[in-house]
Amino acid sequence: MVAAEGTASPSTQSGPGPASIAVRAAVVREKGGPFVFEDLVLDTRLRPDEVLVKVVAAGVCQTDIHVRDQHLPTPLPAVLGHEGAGIVERVGDGVTTVAPGDRVVMSYQACGHCTPCLNGDPAYCARSFPLNFGGSRPDGSNALSGTGGEEIHGHFFGQSSFATHSLATERNVVKVADDVPLELLAPLGCGLQTGAGAVLNSLKVPAGASVVVIGTGTVGLAAVMAAAVAGASPVIAVDIVPERLTLARELGATHTVDGREEDVAGRIAEITGGGADYVLEITARPEMLTLAVDALAPLGTAALIGGAPAGAHASVNMNALLGGRTVRGIAQGDSIPQLFIPRLIELYKAGRFPFDRLVTLRGFDEINEAVTDTRTGAVIKPVLRIGE
């Protein structure tokens, strides 16, 4: 049972609270290894900006898998998870925007002090990588440990939400109302805001513009739905999984292209009459970014959204850029979570952003199965039920 917004459930508390609590977490101990459940200790002597959250649900994202496989260098052993949602139990002395009992979605971390943050672009924070992937607080300390005192790296994306409790900060929690289940809202903190934000925030796609989305997982289908919200036409979804292409049509794509069966570049040119205004590349495969640029109309924009392994490179036809074409990267959909996540919730309630169609709920104990299903494409967005 979820507490109503602004009221305290039996698990919430105010005041200083205990210095530490026991948590159950899914820990990655070795490159490519499974998530192993362990009893850990979470130091809950809150710093002024910190927020203790009882985790209700967390989405499984490809980024969690990339880190497990060490394509991105977060130190191990670590507790991952960065699409968490839950109920605030305690807050630090300096926190003013959330209180015990509030329902929150957790998102990415940013410092709030660098030039991009001060310009309203926290997704491009100068300290983004260490804050989100460093496995510790900014000062190098860590709130998680094993019962015998072993350091366990946490603070992943400022949350490490594959655990029964998460230590977040005021900057990366978003207060939400109580009329949509938290297990449904969890993926808004990363994948859904990234895809939708790329269309609505980063590119500001106008009505009538042509949009191509390469890759129809969580991020790609969020982009398809957002393109429909924006009034784009045509909206072309590209994938190699027929079932996902069928779903893309149901969610707003006007055309689909099966990359295994069709000449993708030729079909895009045919549908758009020569080239697309916007191409969003989600797969992070270098050859797909090359194709994205080649598929553009003059003055078109290709946007790289998928996170590639460290050191990946793609070739681009330099002369194509002389036609006014643009290539840019997009992080987190240029979203300010406290503003954009409530907007997406309102679009969902209005029936215009039906992201519940992407979600498959799983028990916390099924995390390894959920990871396998994510990698194979058997499900689009697994969400783990962690608490109540």
Protein backbone atom coordinates (compact mmCIF):
# COMPACT_ATOMS: atom_id res chain seq x y z
CA MET A 1 0.00 0.00 0.00
CA VAL A 2 1.39 3.40 -1.00
CA ALA A 3 1.03 6.42 1.28
CA ALA A 4 -0.80 9.43 -0.09
CA GLU A 5 1.35 12.31 -1.18
CA GLY A 6 2.63 14.40 1.71
CA THR A 7 1.66 11.93 4.44
CA ALA A 8 3.84 9.52 6.35
CA SER A 9 3.42 5.78 5.92
CA PRO A 10 4.35 3.50 8.86
CA SER A 11 7.86 3.14 7.38
CA THR A 12 8.61 6.86 7.26
CA GLN A 13 10.21 8.89 9.97
CA SER A 14 11.53 12.35 10.71
CA GLY A 15 14.35 13.40 12.97
CA PRO A 16 17.93 12.12 13.01
CA GLY A 17 17.09 8.40 12.87
CA PRO A 18 19.56 5.53 13.26
CA ALA A 19 23.18 5.88 12.14
CA SER A 20 22.83 2.88 9.81
CA ILE A 21 20.23 0.42 8.55
CA ALA A 22 20.34 -3.07 7.07
CA VAL A 23 19.45 -3.30 3.38
CA ARG A 24 19.08 -6.13 0.92
CA ALA A 25 20.77 -5.40 -2.38
CA ALA A 26 21.67 -7.00 -5.69
CA VAL A 27 25.47 -6.76 -5.93
CA VAL A 28 27.72 -7.17 -8.97
CA ARG A 29 31.08 -8.51 -7.83
CA GLU A 30 32.87 -9.37 -11.07
CA LYS A 31 32.86 -8.41 -14.72
CA GLY A 32 29.97 -10.11 -16.47
CA GLY A 33 28.93 -11.85 -13.27
CA PRO A 34 25.40 -12.27 -11.97
CA PHE A 35 23.60 -9.97 -9.59
CA VAL A 36 23.99 -11.61 -6.17
CA PHE A 37 21.69 -10.77 -3.27
CA GLU A 38 23.50 -9.70 -0.13
CA ASP A 39 22.68 -8.13 3.22
CA LEU A 40 24.51 -4.80 3.41
CA VAL A 41 24.78 -1.86 5.76
CA LEU A 42 23.74 1.62 4.64
CA ASP A 43 25.20 4.55 6.60
CA THR A 44 22.21 6.82 7.20
CA ARG A 45 23.91 9.73 8.93
CA LEU A 46 22.46 12.00 6.28
CA ARG A 47 24.40 14.89 4.86
CA PRO A 48 22.45 18.14 4.44
CA ASP A 49 21.41 17.44 0.82
CA GLU A 50 20.73 13.70 1.14
CA VAL A 51 17.42 11.87 0.97
CA LEU A 52 16.81 8.34 2.27
CA VAL A 53 14.31 6.52 0.04
CA LYS A 54 12.58 3.20 0.68
CA VAL A 55 12.69 1.73 -2.82
CA VAL A 56 9.40 0.40 -4.19
CA ALA A 57 10.53 -0.38 -7.75
CA ALA A 58 13.45 0.00 -10.14
CA GLY A 59 13.70 -0.36 -13.89
CA VAL A 60 16.41 -2.44 -15.54
CA CYS A 61 18.32 -0.44 -18.17
CA GLN A 62 20.96 -1.35 -20.74
CA THR A 63 23.33 0.98 -18.90
CA ASP A 64 23.17 -1.28 -15.85
CA ILE A 65 24.19 -4.17 -18.11
CA HIS A 66 27.01 -2.18 -19.73
CA VAL A 67 28.42 -1.46 -16.28
CA ARG A 68 28.01 -5.05 -15.11
CA ASP A 69 30.02 -6.09 -18.17
CA GLN A 70 32.52 -3.26 -17.48
CA HIS A 71 32.05 -1.53 -20.82
CA LEU A 72 31.83 1.50 -18.55
CA PRO A 73 34.35 1.61 -15.70
CA THR A 74 32.31 1.78 -12.50
CA PRO A 75 34.41 0.05 -9.80
CA LEU A 76 33.21 -3.30 -8.46
CA PRO A 77 31.75 -4.68 -6.26
CA ALA A 78 28.84 -2.34 -6.75
CA VAL A 79 25.12 -1.89 -6.33
CA LEU A 80 23.70 -0.58 -9.60
CA GLY A 81 20.18 0.54 -10.51
CA HIS A 82 19.32 4.04 -11.70
CA GLU A 83 15.59 4.04 -12.47
CA GLY A 84 14.34 3.89 -8.90
CA ALA A 85 11.07 5.02 -7.37
CA GLY A 86 9.99 4.93 -3.76
CA ILE A 87 8.92 6.72 -0.61
CA VAL A 88 11.04 9.25 1.29
CA GLU A 89 11.86 8.09 4.83
CA ARG A 90 14.25 10.82 6.00
CA VAL A 91 15.85 13.98 4.63
CA GLY A 92 18.99 15.96 5.42
CA ASP A 93 18.83 19.26 7.25
CA GLY A 94 19.16 21.29 4.06
CA VAL A 95 16.44 19.55 2.02
CA THR A 96 13.32 21.65 1.40
CA THR A 97 11.60 20.21 -1.70
CA VAL A 98 10.70 16.74 -0.38
CA ALA A 99 9.70 15.41 3.04
CA PRO A 100 9.18 12.05 4.74
CA GLY A 101 6.20 10.28 3.17
CA ASP A 102 6.60 11.86 -0.26
CA ARG A 103 6.55 9.56 -3.28
CA VAL A 104 9.52 10.18 -5.56
CA VAL A 105 11.13 9.09 -8.81
CA MET A 106 14.93 9.09 -8.80
CA SER A 107 16.90 10.28 -11.82
CA TYR A 108 20.49 11.13 -12.79
CA GLN A 109 22.95 13.11 -10.69
CA ALA A 110 24.49 16.52 -11.45
CA CYS A 111 26.61 18.90 -9.38
CA GLY A 112 24.44 22.02 -9.74
CA HIS A 113 27.44 24.34 -9.73
CA CYS A 114 29.29 24.02 -13.07
CA THR A 115 28.58 26.16 -16.13
CA PRO A 116 26.25 23.64 -17.86
CA CYS A 117 24.26 23.16 -14.65
CA LEU A 118 23.96 26.89 -14.06
CA ASN A 119 22.87 27.34 -17.68
CA GLY A 120 20.02 24.88 -17.13
CA ASP A 121 21.73 21.93 -18.82
CA PRO A 122 22.37 19.51 -15.94
CA ALA A 123 22.45 16.50 -18.28
CA TYR A 124 25.82 17.86 -19.48
CA CYS A 125 27.21 18.53 -16.02
CA ALA A 126 31.00 18.91 -16.08
CA ARG A 127 31.17 16.21 -13.38
CA SER A 128 28.57 13.94 -14.92
CA PHE A 129 30.73 10.85 -15.31
CA PRO A 130 32.22 10.69 -11.81
CA LEU A 131 28.91 11.63 -10.19
CA ASN A 132 26.95 8.94 -12.01
CA PHE A 133 29.51 6.20 -12.62
CA GLY A 134 32.16 6.79 -9.95
CA GLY A 135 30.64 4.48 -7.35
CA SER A 136 30.93 6.95 -4.48
CA ARG A 137 29.92 10.38 -3.25
CA PRO A 138 31.71 13.35 -4.86
CA ASP A 139 34.26 13.35 -2.01
CA GLY A 140 35.05 9.65 -2.55
CA SER A 141 33.19 8.39 0.52
CA ASN A 142 30.62 5.60 0.34
CA ALA A 143 27.51 4.91 2.39
CA LEU A 144 27.33 1.18 1.57
CA SER A 145 29.36 -1.60 3.15
CA GLY A 146 29.21 -5.31 3.76
CA THR A 147 28.23 -6.60 7.18
CA GLY A 148 31.93 -7.25 7.84
CA GLY A 149 32.95 -3.72 6.85
CA GLU A 150 33.91 -4.40 3.18
CA GLU A 151 33.37 -1.37 0.99
CA ILE A 152 30.63 -1.83 -1.59
CA HIS A 153 30.46 0.85 -4.26
CA GLY A 154 27.15 2.70 -4.34
CA HIS A 155 25.75 6.10 -5.29
CA PHE A 156 25.33 4.85 -8.88
CA PHE A 157 23.57 7.73 -10.66
CA GLY A 158 23.21 9.15 -7.18
CA GLN A 159 20.90 6.31 -6.08
CA SER A 160 21.99 2.62 -6.49
CA SER A 161 18.34 1.58 -6.49
CA PHE A 162 18.80 -2.19 -6.85
CA ALA A 163 18.34 -2.27 -3.09
CA THR A 164 15.60 -2.00 -0.52
CA HIS A 165 16.79 1.51 0.41
CA SER A 166 18.57 4.17 -1.60
CA LEU A 167 20.56 7.21 -0.50
CA ALA A 168 19.79 9.89 -3.07
CA THR A 169 20.07 13.68 -2.98
CA GLU A 170 17.61 16.52 -3.31
CA ARG A 171 18.97 17.21 -6.80
CA ASN A 172 18.03 13.82 -8.24
CA VAL A 173 14.65 13.10 -6.69
CA VAL A 174 11.36 14.19 -8.23
CA LYS A 175 8.22 14.40 -6.11
CA VAL A 176 5.23 12.74 -7.79
CA ALA A 177 1.54 12.50 -6.97
CA ASP A 178 -0.17 9.34 -5.77
CA ASP A 179 -2.48 8.66 -8.74
CA VAL A 180 -0.05 6.50 -10.79
CA PRO A 181 1.69 3.41 -9.30
CA LEU A 182 5.35 3.87 -8.45
CA GLU A 183 6.33 0.64 -10.22
CA LEU A 184 5.04 2.19 -13.43
CA LEU A 185 6.78 5.53 -12.85
CA ALA A 186 10.26 4.11 -12.13
CA PRO A 187 11.53 4.05 -15.78
CA LEU A 188 10.76 7.74 -16.20
CA GLY A 189 14.01 8.57 -14.42
CA CYS A 190 16.22 7.51 -17.35
CA GLY A 191 15.08 5.60 -20.43
CA LEU A 192 11.69 7.18 -20.98
CA GLN A 193 12.78 10.75 -20.31
CA THR A 194 15.80 10.21 -22.57
CA GLY A 195 13.80 9.13 -25.61
CA ALA A 196 10.91 11.53 -25.16
CA GLY A 197 13.18 14.40 -24.20
CA ALA A 198 15.32 13.94 -27.30
CA VAL A 199 12.27 14.75 -29.40
CA LEU A 200 10.53 17.34 -27.23
CA ASN A 201 13.47 19.07 -25.49
CA SER A 202 16.68 18.53 -27.45
CA LEU A 203 15.45 18.64 -31.04
CA LYS A 204 12.15 20.45 -30.44
CA VAL A 205 10.71 18.59 -33.40
CA PRO A 206 8.01 20.73 -35.06
CA ALA A 207 4.70 19.45 -36.35
CA GLY A 208 5.00 18.01 -39.83
CA ALA A 209 8.72 17.23 -39.61
CA SER A 210 9.92 13.77 -40.65
CA VAL A 211 11.45 11.66 -37.88
CA VAL A 212 13.31 8.35 -38.08
CA VAL A 213 13.98 6.30 -34.94
CA ILE A 214 16.61 3.57 -35.28
CA GLY A 215 16.10 1.04 -32.49
CA THR A 216 12.75 0.48 -30.79
CA GLY A 217 13.59 -0.48 -27.24
CA THR A 218 12.51 1.69 -24.32
CA VAL A 219 14.31 4.83 -25.49
CA GLY A 220 13.29 4.42 -29.13
CA LEU A 221 9.64 3.76 -28.40
CA ALA A 222 9.56 6.72 -26.02
CA ALA A 223 10.88 8.80 -28.93
CA VAL A 224 8.20 7.38 -31.24
CA MET A 225 5.46 8.32 -28.77
CA ALA A 226 6.95 11.79 -28.30
CA ALA A 227 7.16 12.30 -32.07
CA ALA A 228 3.45 11.54 -32.24
CA VAL A 229 2.83 14.05 -29.43
CA ALA A 230 4.80 16.64 -31.42
CA GLY A 231 2.73 16.01 -34.55
CA ALA A 232 5.69 14.79 -36.62
CA SER A 233 4.94 13.07 -39.92
CA PRO A 234 6.11 10.69 -41.17
CA VAL A 235 7.42 8.87 -38.10
CA ILE A 236 9.55 5.93 -39.22
CA ALA A 237 10.62 3.20 -36.80
CA VAL A 238 13.57 0.95 -37.74
CA ASP A 239 14.35 -2.36 -36.01
CA ILE A 240 15.01 -6.04 -36.69
CA VAL A 241 12.35 -7.42 -34.34
CA PRO A 242 8.93 -7.61 -36.05
CA GLU A 243 6.99 -7.57 -32.76
CA ARG A 244 8.63 -4.31 -31.75
CA LEU A 245 7.85 -2.77 -35.11
CA THR A 246 4.21 -3.77 -34.68
CA LEU A 247 4.16 -2.08 -31.27
CA ALA A 248 5.86 1.01 -32.73
CA ARG A 249 2.97 1.37 -35.19
CA GLU A 250 0.47 1.07 -32.35
CA LEU A 251 2.32 3.79 -30.42
CA GLY A 252 2.55 6.35 -33.20
CA ALA A 253 4.90 5.29 -36.00
CA THR A 254 3.37 5.90 -39.43
CA HIS A 255 5.89 3.57 -41.13
CA THR A 256 8.20 0.76 -40.04
CA VAL A 257 11.32 -0.67 -41.66
CA ASP A 258 12.70 -4.12 -40.90
CA GLY A 259 16.48 -3.82 -41.07
CA ARG A 260 16.90 -7.52 -41.81
CA GLU A 261 14.46 -7.57 -44.70
CA GLU A 262 14.70 -4.13 -46.31
CA ASP A 263 17.18 -1.57 -47.62
CA VAL A 264 16.88 0.88 -44.70
CA ALA A 265 18.43 3.90 -46.41
CA GLY A 266 16.41 3.29 -49.57
CA ARG A 267 13.12 2.95 -47.69
CA ILE A 268 13.75 6.11 -45.67
CA ALA A 269 14.49 8.04 -48.86
CA GLU A 270 11.35 6.62 -50.48
CA ILE A 271 9.07 7.43 -47.55
CA THR A 272 10.45 10.93 -46.92
CA GLY A 273 10.95 11.92 -50.53
CA GLY A 274 14.72 12.18 -50.29
CA GLY A 275 15.77 12.36 -46.66
CA ALA A 276 14.59 12.84 -43.10
CA ASP A 277 14.56 16.03 -41.07
CA TYR A 278 15.59 14.17 -37.90
CA VAL A 279 17.16 10.74 -37.38
CA LEU A 280 17.55 9.42 -33.83
CA GLU A 281 20.14 6.65 -33.48
CA ILE A 282 19.48 4.56 -30.37
CA THR A 283 21.38 1.32 -31.00
CA ALA A 284 24.90 2.73 -30.41
CA ARG A 285 26.19 0.67 -33.32
CA PRO A 286 28.74 2.71 -35.32
CA GLU A 287 27.35 1.67 -38.71
CA MET A 288 23.91 2.89 -37.66
CA LEU A 289 25.24 6.38 -36.93
CA THR A 290 26.81 6.39 -40.38
CA LEU A 291 23.43 5.43 -41.84
CA ALA A 292 21.68 8.10 -39.76
CA VAL A 293 23.80 10.84 -41.33
CA ASP A 294 23.38 9.40 -44.82
CA ALA A 295 19.58 9.32 -44.37
CA LEU A 296 19.29 13.04 -43.62
CA ALA A 297 17.75 15.68 -45.84
CA PRO A 298 19.73 18.91 -46.29
CA LEU A 299 19.70 20.85 -42.99
CA GLY A 300 18.63 17.69 -41.18
CA THR A 301 19.91 16.56 -37.77
CA ALA A 302 21.20 13.15 -36.72
CA ALA A 303 21.12 12.59 -32.98
CA LEU A 304 23.15 9.92 -31.18
CA ILE A 305 21.29 8.82 -28.07
CA GLY A 306 22.45 5.26 -27.40
CA GLY A 307 25.43 4.84 -25.08
CA ALA A 308 28.26 3.07 -26.91
CA PRO A 309 31.11 1.20 -25.21
CA ALA A 310 34.08 3.38 -24.28
CA GLY A 311 36.27 4.16 -27.30
CA ALA A 312 33.68 3.40 -30.01
CA HIS A 313 34.09 5.37 -33.26
CA ALA A 314 31.87 5.85 -36.32
CA SER A 315 32.69 7.12 -39.79
CA VAL A 316 30.75 10.04 -41.25
CA ASN A 317 30.58 11.28 -44.82
CA MET A 318 32.20 14.67 -44.34
CA ASN A 319 30.80 16.09 -47.57
CA ALA A 320 27.28 15.26 -46.42
CA LEU A 321 27.75 17.75 -43.60
CA LEU A 322 28.31 20.51 -46.13
CA GLY A 323 24.60 20.30 -46.90
CA GLY A 324 23.89 21.92 -43.55
CA ARG A 325 23.42 18.59 -41.85
CA THR A 326 24.13 18.37 -38.12
CA VAL A 327 25.31 15.53 -35.91
CA ARG A 328 24.85 15.87 -32.17
CA GLY A 329 24.80 13.74 -29.06
CA ILE A 330 21.99 13.78 -26.52
CA ALA A 331 22.18 12.87 -22.84
CA GLN A 332 19.06 12.25 -20.73
CA GLY A 333 16.90 13.98 -23.33
CA ASP A 334 18.18 17.37 -22.15
CA SER A 335 15.71 16.87 -19.31
CA ILE A 336 15.45 18.74 -16.06
CA PRO A 337 13.77 15.83 -14.27
CA GLN A 338 11.78 17.94 -11.79
CA LEU A 339 10.13 19.68 -14.77
CA PHE A 340 10.00 17.00 -17.45
CA ILE A 341 8.95 13.91 -15.50
CA PRO A 342 5.71 15.56 -14.27
CA ARG A 343 5.04 16.61 -17.88
CA LEU A 344 5.39 13.01 -19.06
CA ILE A 345 3.06 11.83 -16.29
CA GLU A 346 0.43 14.33 -17.42
CA LEU A 347 0.80 13.17 -21.03
CA TYR A 348 0.36 9.59 -19.81
CA LYS A 349 -2.80 10.43 -17.87
CA ALA A 350 -4.16 12.19 -20.98
CA GLY A 351 -3.61 9.01 -23.02
CA ARG A 352 -0.91 10.60 -25.20
CA PHE A 353 2.17 8.84 -23.80
CA PRO A 354 1.09 5.25 -23.02
CA PHE A 355 4.43 4.05 -21.70
CA ASP A 356 2.74 1.39 -19.58
CA ARG A 357 2.65 -0.64 -22.83
CA LEU A 358 6.43 -1.08 -22.51
CA VAL A 359 6.59 -2.27 -18.89
CA THR A 360 6.84 -5.87 -17.66
CA LEU A 361 6.78 -6.22 -13.86
CA ARG A 362 9.09 -8.71 -12.16
CA GLY A 363 9.96 -9.64 -8.60
CA PHE A 364 13.24 -8.34 -7.20
CA ASP A 365 14.50 -11.93 -7.01
CA GLU A 366 14.09 -12.17 -10.79
CA ILE A 367 16.71 -9.52 -11.55
CA ASN A 368 19.02 -11.85 -13.47
CA GLU A 369 16.14 -13.13 -15.59
CA ALA A 370 15.11 -9.52 -16.24
CA VAL A 371 18.64 -8.69 -17.39
CA THR A 372 18.64 -11.67 -19.76
CA ASP A 373 15.25 -10.65 -21.17
CA THR A 374 16.54 -7.11 -21.70
CA ARG A 375 19.60 -8.32 -23.60
CA THR A 376 17.65 -10.74 -25.78
CA GLY A 377 14.82 -8.31 -26.45
CA ALA A 378 12.22 -10.64 -24.93
CA VAL A 379 10.84 -7.68 -22.99
CA ILE A 380 11.18 -3.95 -23.52
CA LYS A 381 11.31 -2.53 -20.01
CA PRO A 382 11.47 -4.86 -17.03
CA VAL A 383 10.63 -3.19 -13.74
CA LEU A 384 11.54 -4.92 -10.48
CA ARG A 385 9.11 -4.81 -7.59
CA ILE A 386 11.39 -4.23 -4.61
CA GLY A 387 9.18 -3.03 -1.76
CA GLU A 388 5.72 -1.75 -0.88
